[in-house]
Amino acid sequence: MLERFLASDEMSVVTAEVIGTALSDAVASRGIASLVATGGRSPGAIYDRLNLADVDWPRIAVTLSDDRSVSEDHPDSNARLVRSRLLKGRAAAARFLPLWPDSDAAALRSLMPFDVVMLGMGEDGHIASLIPGDPGLEDGLNTDEFLRDVPAGLGNPPLARITLTLTAILNSRAIFLLIAGEPKREVIARAMAGEDLPVARLIKQAGDRLRIFWTPGA
């Protein structure tokens, strides 16, 4: 299940190549494509390579798996990361649909099924902002709605958030879970062994649409 890379640079190169190919194939097949980007430390280097890809970016729509309820110039904003690292060069021509402060549910729904979803994972097994300890977590994992708000006090940083639900994440053709470090590999092992974590729900329901890329380095 885990696809292992010796170094984070190698994982970044391969991930950018695979996602770029998936987006190009989608455009060739359907004329448009959609990418759900993610925040965190790992994807920045991927975005630096992906924005150079020979993709028909004007036909690509980009949104986010989740975001923090902060202004876009805030260092904890996932939108800021995507704008500064992905949506530049060739990729500046893509259409971006942020989730906060105003999300366009109809536009988001029109992108589904997403062609590519990128996700990270925390050491508590959370994906997007579907975070253990959230009183509304089961709703986020089971609702038919595509978006939900997450209260402050959860996650790191413990800011209020907005997230795609598991239903929205699963409404996709390909999902890439990008993780680094031994503790996160152990979380995946626990999830596969049956521990009830958000990432375990993803693994169980996504099937062969999910690829998990892991590197020992951060």
N, C-alpha and C. Protein backbone atom coordinates (compact mmCIF):
# COMPACT_ATOMS: atom_id res chain seq x y z
N MET A 1 0.83 -1.21 0.00
CA MET A 1 0.00 0.00 0.00
C MET A 1 0.87 1.26 0.00
N LEU A 2 1.94 1.29 0.83
CA LEU A 2 2.83 2.45 0.85
C LEU A 2 3.80 2.38 -0.33
N GLU A 3 3.90 3.48 -1.06
CA GLU A 3 4.93 3.61 -2.08
C GLU A 3 6.06 4.42 -1.46
N ARG A 4 7.22 3.82 -1.34
CA ARG A 4 8.31 4.38 -0.53
C ARG A 4 9.32 5.10 -1.41
N PHE A 5 9.78 6.25 -0.91
CA PHE A 5 10.81 7.03 -1.59
C PHE A 5 11.94 7.27 -0.60
N LEU A 6 13.16 7.18 -1.08
CA LEU A 6 14.31 7.30 -0.19
C LEU A 6 14.48 8.71 0.35
N ALA A 7 14.05 9.70 -0.44
CA ALA A 7 14.24 11.09 -0.04
C ALA A 7 13.03 11.92 -0.44
N SER A 8 12.83 13.02 0.27
CA SER A 8 11.68 13.87 -0.01
C SER A 8 11.76 14.49 -1.40
N ASP A 9 12.98 14.80 -1.89
CA ASP A 9 13.11 15.36 -3.23
C ASP A 9 12.62 14.38 -4.29
N GLU A 10 12.96 13.12 -4.11
CA GLU A 10 12.50 12.10 -5.05
C GLU A 10 10.98 12.00 -5.05
N MET A 11 10.38 12.04 -3.86
CA MET A 11 8.93 11.97 -3.78
C MET A 11 8.29 13.18 -4.45
N SER A 12 8.87 14.35 -4.26
CA SER A 12 8.33 15.56 -4.88
C SER A 12 8.36 15.48 -6.39
N VAL A 13 9.45 15.00 -6.94
CA VAL A 13 9.59 14.89 -8.40
C VAL A 13 8.55 13.92 -8.96
N VAL A 14 8.46 12.74 -8.35
CA VAL A 14 7.53 11.73 -8.85
C VAL A 14 6.09 12.19 -8.70
N THR A 15 5.76 12.79 -7.55
CA THR A 15 4.39 13.25 -7.33
C THR A 15 3.99 14.30 -8.35
N ALA A 16 4.86 15.27 -8.60
CA ALA A 16 4.55 16.30 -9.58
C ALA A 16 4.36 15.70 -10.97
N GLU A 17 5.19 14.72 -11.32
CA GLU A 17 5.06 14.09 -12.64
C GLU A 17 3.74 13.33 -12.76
N VAL A 18 3.39 12.57 -11.73
CA VAL A 18 2.18 11.75 -11.78
C VAL A 18 0.93 12.63 -11.82
N ILE A 19 0.92 13.69 -11.00
CA ILE A 19 -0.24 14.58 -10.98
C ILE A 19 -0.35 15.35 -12.29
N GLY A 20 0.77 15.84 -12.80
CA GLY A 20 0.74 16.53 -14.07
C GLY A 20 0.20 15.66 -15.19
N THR A 21 0.60 14.39 -15.21
CA THR A 21 0.10 13.46 -16.22
C THR A 21 -1.39 13.22 -16.05
N ALA A 22 -1.84 13.05 -14.81
CA ALA A 22 -3.27 12.83 -14.55
C ALA A 22 -4.11 14.01 -15.02
N LEU A 23 -3.62 15.23 -14.77
CA LEU A 23 -4.36 16.42 -15.20
C LEU A 23 -4.38 16.52 -16.73
N SER A 24 -3.26 16.24 -17.36
CA SER A 24 -3.22 16.29 -18.83
C SER A 24 -4.14 15.24 -19.44
N ASP A 25 -4.15 14.05 -18.86
CA ASP A 25 -5.03 12.99 -19.36
C ASP A 25 -6.49 13.39 -19.22
N ALA A 26 -6.82 14.04 -18.10
CA ALA A 26 -8.21 14.48 -17.89
C ALA A 26 -8.60 15.53 -18.91
N VAL A 27 -7.72 16.48 -19.19
CA VAL A 27 -8.02 17.50 -20.19
C VAL A 27 -8.20 16.86 -21.57
N ALA A 28 -7.33 15.92 -21.89
CA ALA A 28 -7.43 15.24 -23.18
C ALA A 28 -8.73 14.47 -23.31
N SER A 29 -9.19 13.92 -22.20
CA SER A 29 -10.40 13.10 -22.22
C SER A 29 -11.69 13.92 -22.15
N ARG A 30 -11.68 14.96 -21.30
CA ARG A 30 -12.93 15.68 -21.02
C ARG A 30 -12.87 17.18 -21.30
N GLY A 31 -11.70 17.69 -21.63
CA GLY A 31 -11.57 19.10 -21.95
C GLY A 31 -11.28 19.99 -20.77
N ILE A 32 -11.47 19.49 -19.57
CA ILE A 32 -11.20 20.23 -18.33
C ILE A 32 -10.65 19.26 -17.30
N ALA A 33 -10.10 19.81 -16.22
CA ALA A 33 -9.61 18.97 -15.13
C ALA A 33 -9.68 19.75 -13.82
N SER A 34 -9.68 19.01 -12.72
CA SER A 34 -9.75 19.66 -11.40
C SER A 34 -8.72 19.05 -10.47
N LEU A 35 -8.13 19.90 -9.66
CA LEU A 35 -7.11 19.52 -8.69
C LEU A 35 -7.49 20.06 -7.32
N VAL A 36 -7.51 19.19 -6.34
CA VAL A 36 -7.68 19.61 -4.95
C VAL A 36 -6.30 19.63 -4.31
N ALA A 37 -5.82 20.81 -3.98
CA ALA A 37 -4.51 20.98 -3.38
C ALA A 37 -4.60 20.89 -1.86
N THR A 38 -3.45 20.78 -1.22
CA THR A 38 -3.42 20.64 0.23
C THR A 38 -2.38 21.59 0.82
N GLY A 39 -2.45 21.78 2.12
CA GLY A 39 -1.47 22.61 2.81
C GLY A 39 -0.42 21.76 3.51
N GLY A 40 0.29 22.36 4.44
CA GLY A 40 1.33 21.63 5.17
C GLY A 40 2.71 21.88 4.60
N ARG A 41 3.69 21.15 5.16
CA ARG A 41 5.08 21.36 4.76
C ARG A 41 5.45 20.63 3.48
N SER A 42 4.93 19.43 3.28
CA SER A 42 5.39 18.58 2.18
C SER A 42 5.06 19.09 0.78
N PRO A 43 3.87 19.67 0.54
CA PRO A 43 3.51 19.93 -0.86
C PRO A 43 4.20 21.11 -1.51
N GLY A 44 4.83 22.00 -0.74
CA GLY A 44 5.45 23.17 -1.35
C GLY A 44 6.44 22.80 -2.45
N ALA A 45 7.29 21.83 -2.17
CA ALA A 45 8.29 21.41 -3.16
C ALA A 45 7.62 20.75 -4.36
N ILE A 46 6.49 20.08 -4.13
CA ILE A 46 5.74 19.49 -5.24
C ILE A 46 5.18 20.61 -6.13
N TYR A 47 4.60 21.63 -5.50
CA TYR A 47 4.04 22.74 -6.27
C TYR A 47 5.11 23.45 -7.09
N ASP A 48 6.32 23.57 -6.53
CA ASP A 48 7.40 24.23 -7.25
C ASP A 48 7.71 23.52 -8.57
N ARG A 49 7.53 22.22 -8.60
CA ARG A 49 7.76 21.44 -9.82
C ARG A 49 6.50 21.36 -10.68
N LEU A 50 5.36 21.21 -10.04
CA LEU A 50 4.11 21.03 -10.79
C LEU A 50 3.79 22.27 -11.62
N ASN A 51 4.12 23.46 -11.11
CA ASN A 51 3.77 24.67 -11.88
C ASN A 51 4.58 24.80 -13.17
N LEU A 52 5.60 23.96 -13.32
CA LEU A 52 6.40 23.94 -14.55
C LEU A 52 5.90 22.90 -15.55
N ALA A 53 4.93 22.10 -15.13
CA ALA A 53 4.46 20.99 -15.97
C ALA A 53 3.80 21.51 -17.25
N ASP A 54 3.99 20.76 -18.31
CA ASP A 54 3.39 21.09 -19.60
C ASP A 54 1.93 20.64 -19.60
N VAL A 55 1.13 21.39 -18.85
CA VAL A 55 -0.30 21.10 -18.68
C VAL A 55 -1.07 22.29 -19.25
N ASP A 56 -2.26 22.03 -19.77
CA ASP A 56 -3.10 23.11 -20.30
C ASP A 56 -3.79 23.81 -19.12
N TRP A 57 -3.01 24.62 -18.43
CA TRP A 57 -3.47 25.20 -17.16
C TRP A 57 -4.75 26.03 -17.27
N PRO A 58 -5.01 26.74 -18.35
CA PRO A 58 -6.28 27.47 -18.42
C PRO A 58 -7.51 26.57 -18.32
N ARG A 59 -7.33 25.27 -18.55
CA ARG A 59 -8.44 24.33 -18.45
C ARG A 59 -8.49 23.61 -17.10
N ILE A 60 -7.64 24.04 -16.17
CA ILE A 60 -7.56 23.40 -14.85
C ILE A 60 -8.21 24.30 -13.79
N ALA A 61 -9.04 23.71 -12.96
CA ALA A 61 -9.59 24.40 -11.78
C ALA A 61 -8.92 23.81 -10.54
N VAL A 62 -8.52 24.69 -9.64
CA VAL A 62 -7.82 24.28 -8.42
C VAL A 62 -8.61 24.74 -7.21
N THR A 63 -8.80 23.86 -6.26
CA THR A 63 -9.37 24.24 -4.98
C THR A 63 -8.53 23.60 -3.87
N LEU A 64 -9.05 23.59 -2.65
CA LEU A 64 -8.30 23.11 -1.49
C LEU A 64 -9.06 22.02 -0.75
N SER A 65 -8.31 21.14 -0.10
CA SER A 65 -8.95 20.13 0.76
C SER A 65 -9.49 20.76 2.03
N ASP A 66 -8.82 21.81 2.49
CA ASP A 66 -9.24 22.53 3.69
C ASP A 66 -8.46 23.83 3.79
N ASP A 67 -8.90 24.70 4.67
CA ASP A 67 -8.14 25.92 4.92
C ASP A 67 -8.44 26.43 6.31
N ARG A 68 -7.55 27.28 6.80
CA ARG A 68 -7.74 27.93 8.09
C ARG A 68 -8.51 29.22 7.86
N SER A 69 -9.32 29.61 8.83
CA SER A 69 -10.15 30.81 8.71
C SER A 69 -9.33 32.04 9.07
N VAL A 70 -8.37 32.32 8.19
CA VAL A 70 -7.47 33.46 8.36
C VAL A 70 -7.37 34.19 7.03
N SER A 71 -6.89 35.42 7.06
CA SER A 71 -6.73 36.16 5.82
C SER A 71 -5.70 35.47 4.92
N GLU A 72 -5.81 35.71 3.63
CA GLU A 72 -4.95 35.00 2.69
C GLU A 72 -3.49 35.40 2.79
N ASP A 73 -3.19 36.51 3.44
CA ASP A 73 -1.79 36.87 3.62
C ASP A 73 -1.21 36.33 4.93
N HIS A 74 -2.02 35.58 5.68
CA HIS A 74 -1.57 34.99 6.94
C HIS A 74 -0.68 33.78 6.64
N PRO A 75 0.41 33.59 7.39
CA PRO A 75 1.31 32.46 7.09
C PRO A 75 0.65 31.09 7.24
N ASP A 76 -0.46 30.98 7.97
CA ASP A 76 -1.14 29.70 8.13
C ASP A 76 -2.23 29.46 7.09
N SER A 77 -2.34 30.34 6.12
CA SER A 77 -3.35 30.19 5.07
C SER A 77 -2.89 29.20 4.01
N ASN A 78 -3.69 28.17 3.77
CA ASN A 78 -3.37 27.23 2.69
C ASN A 78 -3.53 27.89 1.32
N ALA A 79 -4.48 28.81 1.20
CA ALA A 79 -4.64 29.55 -0.05
C ALA A 79 -3.36 30.32 -0.37
N ARG A 80 -2.75 30.90 0.64
CA ARG A 80 -1.50 31.64 0.43
C ARG A 80 -0.42 30.71 -0.11
N LEU A 81 -0.30 29.52 0.47
CA LEU A 81 0.69 28.55 0.00
C LEU A 81 0.45 28.20 -1.46
N VAL A 82 -0.78 27.91 -1.82
CA VAL A 82 -1.10 27.51 -3.18
C VAL A 82 -0.85 28.65 -4.16
N ARG A 83 -1.24 29.85 -3.80
CA ARG A 83 -1.01 30.99 -4.69
C ARG A 83 0.49 31.26 -4.88
N SER A 84 1.26 31.13 -3.82
CA SER A 84 2.67 31.52 -3.88
C SER A 84 3.57 30.43 -4.46
N ARG A 85 3.14 29.16 -4.36
CA ARG A 85 4.03 28.07 -4.80
C ARG A 85 3.50 27.32 -6.03
N LEU A 86 2.19 27.24 -6.18
CA LEU A 86 1.63 26.51 -7.32
C LEU A 86 1.16 27.44 -8.44
N LEU A 87 0.36 28.42 -8.11
CA LEU A 87 -0.30 29.25 -9.13
C LEU A 87 0.62 30.37 -9.61
N LYS A 88 1.71 29.98 -10.21
CA LYS A 88 2.68 30.92 -10.75
C LYS A 88 3.24 30.31 -12.03
N GLY A 89 3.96 31.12 -12.81
CA GLY A 89 4.47 30.60 -14.08
C GLY A 89 3.31 30.13 -14.95
N ARG A 90 3.47 28.98 -15.57
CA ARG A 90 2.41 28.43 -16.42
C ARG A 90 1.11 28.24 -15.66
N ALA A 91 1.23 27.79 -14.41
CA ALA A 91 0.04 27.45 -13.63
C ALA A 91 -0.75 28.66 -13.16
N ALA A 92 -0.22 29.86 -13.35
CA ALA A 92 -0.96 31.06 -12.98
C ALA A 92 -2.25 31.19 -13.78
N ALA A 93 -2.35 30.48 -14.90
CA ALA A 93 -3.53 30.55 -15.75
C ALA A 93 -4.68 29.67 -15.25
N ALA A 94 -4.43 28.84 -14.25
CA ALA A 94 -5.48 27.99 -13.70
C ALA A 94 -6.52 28.82 -12.97
N ARG A 95 -7.73 28.29 -12.85
CA ARG A 95 -8.79 28.95 -12.09
C ARG A 95 -8.75 28.45 -10.66
N PHE A 96 -8.72 29.38 -9.70
CA PHE A 96 -8.61 29.01 -8.29
C PHE A 96 -9.91 29.30 -7.57
N LEU A 97 -10.40 28.29 -6.83
CA LEU A 97 -11.61 28.43 -6.03
C LEU A 97 -11.24 28.26 -4.56
N PRO A 98 -10.99 29.35 -3.84
CA PRO A 98 -10.67 29.24 -2.41
C PRO A 98 -11.88 28.78 -1.61
N LEU A 99 -11.63 28.25 -0.43
CA LEU A 99 -12.72 27.80 0.44
C LEU A 99 -13.14 28.86 1.46
N TRP A 100 -12.26 29.83 1.72
CA TRP A 100 -12.53 30.82 2.76
C TRP A 100 -12.02 32.18 2.29
N PRO A 101 -12.73 33.27 2.61
CA PRO A 101 -13.91 33.38 3.49
C PRO A 101 -15.23 33.02 2.82
N ASP A 102 -15.25 33.00 1.48
CA ASP A 102 -16.49 32.68 0.78
C ASP A 102 -16.24 31.50 -0.15
N SER A 103 -16.96 30.42 0.07
CA SER A 103 -16.84 29.28 -0.81
C SER A 103 -18.07 29.20 -1.70
N ASP A 104 -17.84 28.88 -2.95
CA ASP A 104 -18.91 28.77 -3.93
C ASP A 104 -19.29 27.30 -4.05
N ALA A 105 -20.32 26.88 -3.30
CA ALA A 105 -20.69 25.47 -3.25
C ALA A 105 -21.09 24.94 -4.62
N ALA A 106 -21.79 25.76 -5.40
CA ALA A 106 -22.21 25.30 -6.73
C ALA A 106 -21.01 25.10 -7.65
N ALA A 107 -20.06 26.03 -7.60
CA ALA A 107 -18.86 25.89 -8.42
C ALA A 107 -18.04 24.69 -7.99
N LEU A 108 -17.95 24.50 -6.68
CA LEU A 108 -17.21 23.35 -6.16
C LEU A 108 -17.86 22.05 -6.62
N ARG A 109 -19.16 21.98 -6.51
CA ARG A 109 -19.88 20.78 -6.93
C ARG A 109 -19.68 20.50 -8.42
N SER A 110 -19.55 21.56 -9.22
CA SER A 110 -19.39 21.38 -10.66
C SER A 110 -18.06 20.73 -11.02
N LEU A 111 -17.09 20.78 -10.10
CA LEU A 111 -15.78 20.19 -10.37
C LEU A 111 -15.77 18.68 -10.13
N MET A 112 -16.79 18.16 -9.48
CA MET A 112 -16.79 16.77 -9.08
C MET A 112 -17.29 15.87 -10.21
N PRO A 113 -16.72 14.67 -10.31
CA PRO A 113 -15.67 14.14 -9.46
C PRO A 113 -14.33 14.81 -9.74
N PHE A 114 -13.61 15.12 -8.67
CA PHE A 114 -12.30 15.72 -8.82
C PHE A 114 -11.38 14.75 -9.57
N ASP A 115 -10.51 15.28 -10.40
CA ASP A 115 -9.55 14.42 -11.09
C ASP A 115 -8.42 14.00 -10.17
N VAL A 116 -7.92 14.93 -9.38
CA VAL A 116 -6.82 14.65 -8.45
C VAL A 116 -7.10 15.32 -7.12
N VAL A 117 -6.96 14.57 -6.04
CA VAL A 117 -7.02 15.11 -4.69
C VAL A 117 -5.68 14.84 -4.02
N MET A 118 -5.07 15.89 -3.49
CA MET A 118 -3.85 15.77 -2.70
C MET A 118 -4.21 15.94 -1.23
N LEU A 119 -3.67 15.06 -0.39
CA LEU A 119 -3.92 15.13 1.04
C LEU A 119 -2.63 14.93 1.82
N GLY A 120 -2.55 15.58 2.97
CA GLY A 120 -1.55 15.25 3.97
C GLY A 120 -2.24 14.49 5.10
N MET A 121 -1.49 14.19 6.12
CA MET A 121 -2.05 13.50 7.28
C MET A 121 -1.27 13.89 8.53
N GLY A 122 -1.99 14.09 9.63
CA GLY A 122 -1.32 14.39 10.89
C GLY A 122 -0.99 13.11 11.66
N GLU A 123 -0.18 13.25 12.68
CA GLU A 123 0.19 12.10 13.50
C GLU A 123 -0.98 11.59 14.34
N ASP A 124 -2.09 12.33 14.36
CA ASP A 124 -3.31 11.86 15.00
C ASP A 124 -4.23 11.16 14.00
N GLY A 125 -3.77 11.02 12.76
CA GLY A 125 -4.56 10.34 11.74
C GLY A 125 -5.57 11.22 11.03
N HIS A 126 -5.49 12.54 11.23
CA HIS A 126 -6.46 13.40 10.54
C HIS A 126 -6.07 13.61 9.08
N ILE A 127 -7.06 13.81 8.25
CA ILE A 127 -6.88 14.18 6.85
C ILE A 127 -7.72 15.43 6.60
N ALA A 128 -7.26 16.29 5.68
CA ALA A 128 -7.90 17.60 5.51
C ALA A 128 -8.03 18.20 6.92
N SER A 129 -9.22 18.70 7.29
CA SER A 129 -9.43 19.12 8.69
C SER A 129 -10.52 18.26 9.33
N LEU A 130 -10.46 16.97 9.05
CA LEU A 130 -11.29 15.98 9.72
C LEU A 130 -10.45 15.43 10.86
N ILE A 131 -10.61 16.06 12.03
CA ILE A 131 -9.63 15.94 13.12
C ILE A 131 -10.22 15.18 14.30
N PRO A 132 -9.54 14.15 14.79
CA PRO A 132 -9.99 13.48 16.01
C PRO A 132 -10.13 14.47 17.16
N GLY A 133 -11.19 14.30 17.93
CA GLY A 133 -11.48 15.23 19.02
C GLY A 133 -12.52 16.26 18.68
N ASP A 134 -12.81 16.42 17.39
CA ASP A 134 -13.85 17.35 16.96
C ASP A 134 -15.21 16.71 17.25
N PRO A 135 -16.08 17.39 18.03
CA PRO A 135 -17.40 16.82 18.30
C PRO A 135 -18.21 16.55 17.03
N GLY A 136 -17.87 17.24 15.95
CA GLY A 136 -18.59 17.06 14.70
C GLY A 136 -17.88 16.14 13.71
N LEU A 137 -16.87 15.39 14.19
CA LEU A 137 -16.08 14.57 13.27
C LEU A 137 -16.93 13.54 12.53
N GLU A 138 -17.80 12.84 13.25
CA GLU A 138 -18.60 11.81 12.59
C GLU A 138 -19.46 12.40 11.49
N ASP A 139 -19.95 13.61 11.71
CA ASP A 139 -20.71 14.28 10.66
C ASP A 139 -19.82 14.52 9.45
N GLY A 140 -18.59 14.98 9.69
CA GLY A 140 -17.68 15.23 8.59
C GLY A 140 -17.30 13.98 7.83
N LEU A 141 -17.34 12.84 8.51
CA LEU A 141 -16.99 11.57 7.88
C LEU A 141 -18.17 10.89 7.20
N ASN A 142 -19.40 11.32 7.53
CA ASN A 142 -20.58 10.61 7.05
C ASN A 142 -21.59 11.45 6.29
N THR A 143 -21.56 12.77 6.47
CA THR A 143 -22.56 13.61 5.83
C THR A 143 -22.46 13.55 4.31
N ASP A 144 -23.60 13.80 3.66
CA ASP A 144 -23.60 13.90 2.20
C ASP A 144 -23.22 15.30 1.73
N GLU A 145 -23.12 16.26 2.67
CA GLU A 145 -22.68 17.60 2.31
C GLU A 145 -21.20 17.56 1.94
N PHE A 146 -20.74 18.60 1.22
CA PHE A 146 -19.36 18.61 0.74
C PHE A 146 -18.42 19.45 1.59
N LEU A 147 -18.97 20.37 2.37
CA LEU A 147 -18.14 21.27 3.18
C LEU A 147 -18.67 21.32 4.60
N ARG A 148 -17.78 21.52 5.56
CA ARG A 148 -18.22 21.79 6.92
C ARG A 148 -17.20 22.68 7.61
N ASP A 149 -17.69 23.45 8.57
CA ASP A 149 -16.83 24.28 9.39
C ASP A 149 -16.29 23.48 10.57
N VAL A 150 -15.09 23.80 10.98
CA VAL A 150 -14.43 23.13 12.10
C VAL A 150 -14.11 24.20 13.14
N PRO A 151 -14.51 24.01 14.41
CA PRO A 151 -14.28 25.05 15.41
C PRO A 151 -12.81 25.21 15.77
N ALA A 152 -12.48 26.36 16.32
CA ALA A 152 -11.12 26.61 16.82
C ALA A 152 -10.84 25.68 18.00
N GLY A 153 -9.56 25.48 18.26
CA GLY A 153 -9.15 24.65 19.39
C GLY A 153 -8.69 23.28 18.99
N LEU A 154 -8.77 22.95 17.70
CA LEU A 154 -8.36 21.64 17.20
C LEU A 154 -7.20 21.81 16.24
N GLY A 155 -6.37 20.79 16.14
CA GLY A 155 -5.29 20.81 15.16
C GLY A 155 -4.17 21.73 15.55
N ASN A 156 -3.17 21.79 14.67
CA ASN A 156 -2.00 22.63 14.89
C ASN A 156 -1.70 23.40 13.60
N PRO A 157 -1.95 24.72 13.62
CA PRO A 157 -2.38 25.57 14.73
C PRO A 157 -3.87 25.39 15.03
N PRO A 158 -4.29 25.68 16.26
CA PRO A 158 -5.68 25.43 16.66
C PRO A 158 -6.64 26.53 16.23
N LEU A 159 -6.70 26.77 14.93
CA LEU A 159 -7.54 27.82 14.36
C LEU A 159 -8.85 27.24 13.84
N ALA A 160 -9.87 28.07 13.76
CA ALA A 160 -11.10 27.67 13.08
C ALA A 160 -10.77 27.37 11.61
N ARG A 161 -11.50 26.42 11.03
CA ARG A 161 -11.18 25.94 9.69
C ARG A 161 -12.45 25.67 8.89
N ILE A 162 -12.23 25.43 7.61
CA ILE A 162 -13.27 24.89 6.73
C ILE A 162 -12.64 23.71 6.00
N THR A 163 -13.41 22.65 5.79
CA THR A 163 -12.83 21.43 5.21
C THR A 163 -13.80 20.76 4.25
N LEU A 164 -13.24 20.08 3.27
CA LEU A 164 -14.04 19.13 2.52
C LEU A 164 -14.41 17.99 3.45
N THR A 165 -15.58 17.44 3.26
CA THR A 165 -15.98 16.25 4.00
C THR A 165 -15.37 15.02 3.33
N LEU A 166 -15.49 13.87 4.01
CA LEU A 166 -15.00 12.65 3.40
C LEU A 166 -15.79 12.32 2.12
N THR A 167 -17.07 12.61 2.11
CA THR A 167 -17.88 12.41 0.91
C THR A 167 -17.29 13.16 -0.28
N ALA A 168 -16.91 14.41 -0.07
CA ALA A 168 -16.33 15.22 -1.15
C ALA A 168 -14.99 14.66 -1.59
N ILE A 169 -14.15 14.29 -0.62
CA ILE A 169 -12.83 13.75 -0.95
C ILE A 169 -12.96 12.48 -1.79
N LEU A 170 -13.91 11.63 -1.42
CA LEU A 170 -14.10 10.36 -2.13
C LEU A 170 -14.73 10.55 -3.51
N ASN A 171 -15.31 11.72 -3.75
CA ASN A 171 -15.91 12.00 -5.05
C ASN A 171 -14.80 12.44 -6.00
N SER A 172 -13.90 11.50 -6.30
CA SER A 172 -12.68 11.82 -7.03
C SER A 172 -12.22 10.60 -7.81
N ARG A 173 -11.38 10.86 -8.78
CA ARG A 173 -10.83 9.78 -9.60
C ARG A 173 -9.49 9.28 -9.09
N ALA A 174 -8.73 10.14 -8.41
CA ALA A 174 -7.42 9.75 -7.89
C ALA A 174 -7.11 10.57 -6.65
N ILE A 175 -6.61 9.89 -5.62
CA ILE A 175 -6.27 10.54 -4.36
C ILE A 175 -4.83 10.19 -4.02
N PHE A 176 -4.05 11.21 -3.68
CA PHE A 176 -2.66 11.02 -3.29
C PHE A 176 -2.48 11.48 -1.84
N LEU A 177 -2.14 10.55 -0.98
CA LEU A 177 -1.86 10.86 0.42
C LEU A 177 -0.35 10.94 0.58
N LEU A 178 0.15 12.11 0.97
CA LEU A 178 1.59 12.40 0.99
C LEU A 178 2.06 12.54 2.42
N ILE A 179 2.92 11.63 2.87
CA ILE A 179 3.35 11.63 4.27
C ILE A 179 4.86 11.44 4.36
N ALA A 180 5.40 11.89 5.48
CA ALA A 180 6.84 11.78 5.71
C ALA A 180 7.09 11.43 7.17
N GLY A 181 8.12 10.63 7.41
CA GLY A 181 8.55 10.33 8.76
C GLY A 181 7.99 9.02 9.30
N GLU A 182 8.77 8.40 10.17
CA GLU A 182 8.38 7.11 10.74
C GLU A 182 7.09 7.17 11.55
N PRO A 183 6.86 8.22 12.37
CA PRO A 183 5.59 8.25 13.13
C PRO A 183 4.36 8.17 12.23
N LYS A 184 4.40 8.81 11.08
CA LYS A 184 3.23 8.77 10.20
C LYS A 184 3.11 7.41 9.50
N ARG A 185 4.22 6.78 9.22
CA ARG A 185 4.14 5.42 8.67
C ARG A 185 3.47 4.49 9.68
N GLU A 186 3.77 4.69 10.96
CA GLU A 186 3.16 3.87 11.99
C GLU A 186 1.66 4.14 12.10
N VAL A 187 1.25 5.40 11.89
CA VAL A 187 -0.18 5.72 11.89
C VAL A 187 -0.89 4.95 10.78
N ILE A 188 -0.28 4.90 9.60
CA ILE A 188 -0.88 4.16 8.49
C ILE A 188 -0.98 2.67 8.85
N ALA A 189 0.04 2.13 9.48
CA ALA A 189 0.00 0.72 9.89
C ALA A 189 -1.14 0.48 10.87
N ARG A 190 -1.34 1.39 11.82
CA ARG A 190 -2.44 1.24 12.78
C ARG A 190 -3.79 1.34 12.08
N ALA A 191 -3.88 2.26 11.11
CA ALA A 191 -5.13 2.40 10.38
C ALA A 191 -5.45 1.13 9.60
N MET A 192 -4.45 0.54 9.00
CA MET A 192 -4.66 -0.68 8.24
C MET A 192 -4.97 -1.87 9.14
N ALA A 193 -4.53 -1.76 10.39
CA ALA A 193 -4.81 -2.84 11.35
C ALA A 193 -6.19 -2.70 11.97
N GLY A 194 -6.90 -1.63 11.65
CA GLY A 194 -8.28 -1.52 12.10
C GLY A 194 -8.58 -0.40 13.07
N GLU A 195 -7.57 0.40 13.46
CA GLU A 195 -7.86 1.51 14.36
C GLU A 195 -8.75 2.52 13.64
N ASP A 196 -9.76 3.01 14.33
CA ASP A 196 -10.75 3.88 13.70
C ASP A 196 -10.25 5.32 13.71
N LEU A 197 -9.56 5.69 12.67
CA LEU A 197 -9.02 7.03 12.47
C LEU A 197 -9.61 7.59 11.18
N PRO A 198 -9.64 8.92 11.03
CA PRO A 198 -10.11 9.46 9.75
C PRO A 198 -9.38 8.88 8.54
N VAL A 199 -8.06 8.71 8.66
CA VAL A 199 -7.32 8.15 7.52
C VAL A 199 -7.71 6.70 7.27
N ALA A 200 -8.11 5.98 8.30
CA ALA A 200 -8.56 4.60 8.10
C ALA A 200 -9.85 4.56 7.30
N ARG A 201 -10.75 5.51 7.57
CA ARG A 201 -12.00 5.58 6.79
C ARG A 201 -11.67 5.84 5.31
N LEU A 202 -10.71 6.73 5.08
CA LEU A 202 -10.30 7.03 3.71
C LEU A 202 -9.76 5.78 3.03
N ILE A 203 -8.84 5.10 3.69
CA ILE A 203 -8.21 3.91 3.10
C ILE A 203 -9.27 2.86 2.77
N LYS A 204 -10.19 2.65 3.69
CA LYS A 204 -11.21 1.61 3.50
C LYS A 204 -12.14 1.93 2.34
N GLN A 205 -12.50 3.21 2.20
CA GLN A 205 -13.52 3.57 1.21
C GLN A 205 -12.96 3.97 -0.15
N ALA A 206 -11.71 4.42 -0.19
CA ALA A 206 -11.15 4.89 -1.46
C ALA A 206 -10.69 3.75 -2.35
N GLY A 207 -10.29 2.64 -1.76
CA GLY A 207 -9.84 1.50 -2.55
C GLY A 207 -8.64 1.84 -3.41
N ASP A 208 -8.66 1.36 -4.66
CA ASP A 208 -7.49 1.53 -5.51
C ASP A 208 -7.37 2.91 -6.12
N ARG A 209 -8.29 3.82 -5.79
CA ARG A 209 -8.12 5.22 -6.21
C ARG A 209 -7.06 5.92 -5.36
N LEU A 210 -6.72 5.34 -4.22
CA LEU A 210 -5.79 5.96 -3.27
C LEU A 210 -4.38 5.43 -3.45
N ARG A 211 -3.43 6.36 -3.54
CA ARG A 211 -2.01 6.00 -3.50
C ARG A 211 -1.38 6.74 -2.33
N ILE A 212 -0.62 6.05 -1.53
CA ILE A 212 0.06 6.63 -0.37
C ILE A 212 1.55 6.70 -0.65
N PHE A 213 2.06 7.93 -0.71
CA PHE A 213 3.48 8.15 -0.96
C PHE A 213 4.14 8.50 0.37
N TRP A 214 5.24 7.81 0.70
CA TRP A 214 5.92 8.01 1.99
C TRP A 214 7.42 8.14 1.78
N THR A 215 7.99 9.06 2.52
CA THR A 215 9.44 9.19 2.59
C THR A 215 9.86 9.30 4.04
N PRO A 216 11.00 8.73 4.42
CA PRO A 216 11.42 8.82 5.83
C PRO A 216 11.81 10.22 6.25
N GLY A 217 12.17 11.07 5.31
CA GLY A 217 12.59 12.42 5.66
C GLY A 217 11.45 13.40 5.59
N ALA A 218 11.56 14.49 6.39
CA ALA A 218 10.49 15.51 6.39
C ALA A 218 10.57 16.35 5.14
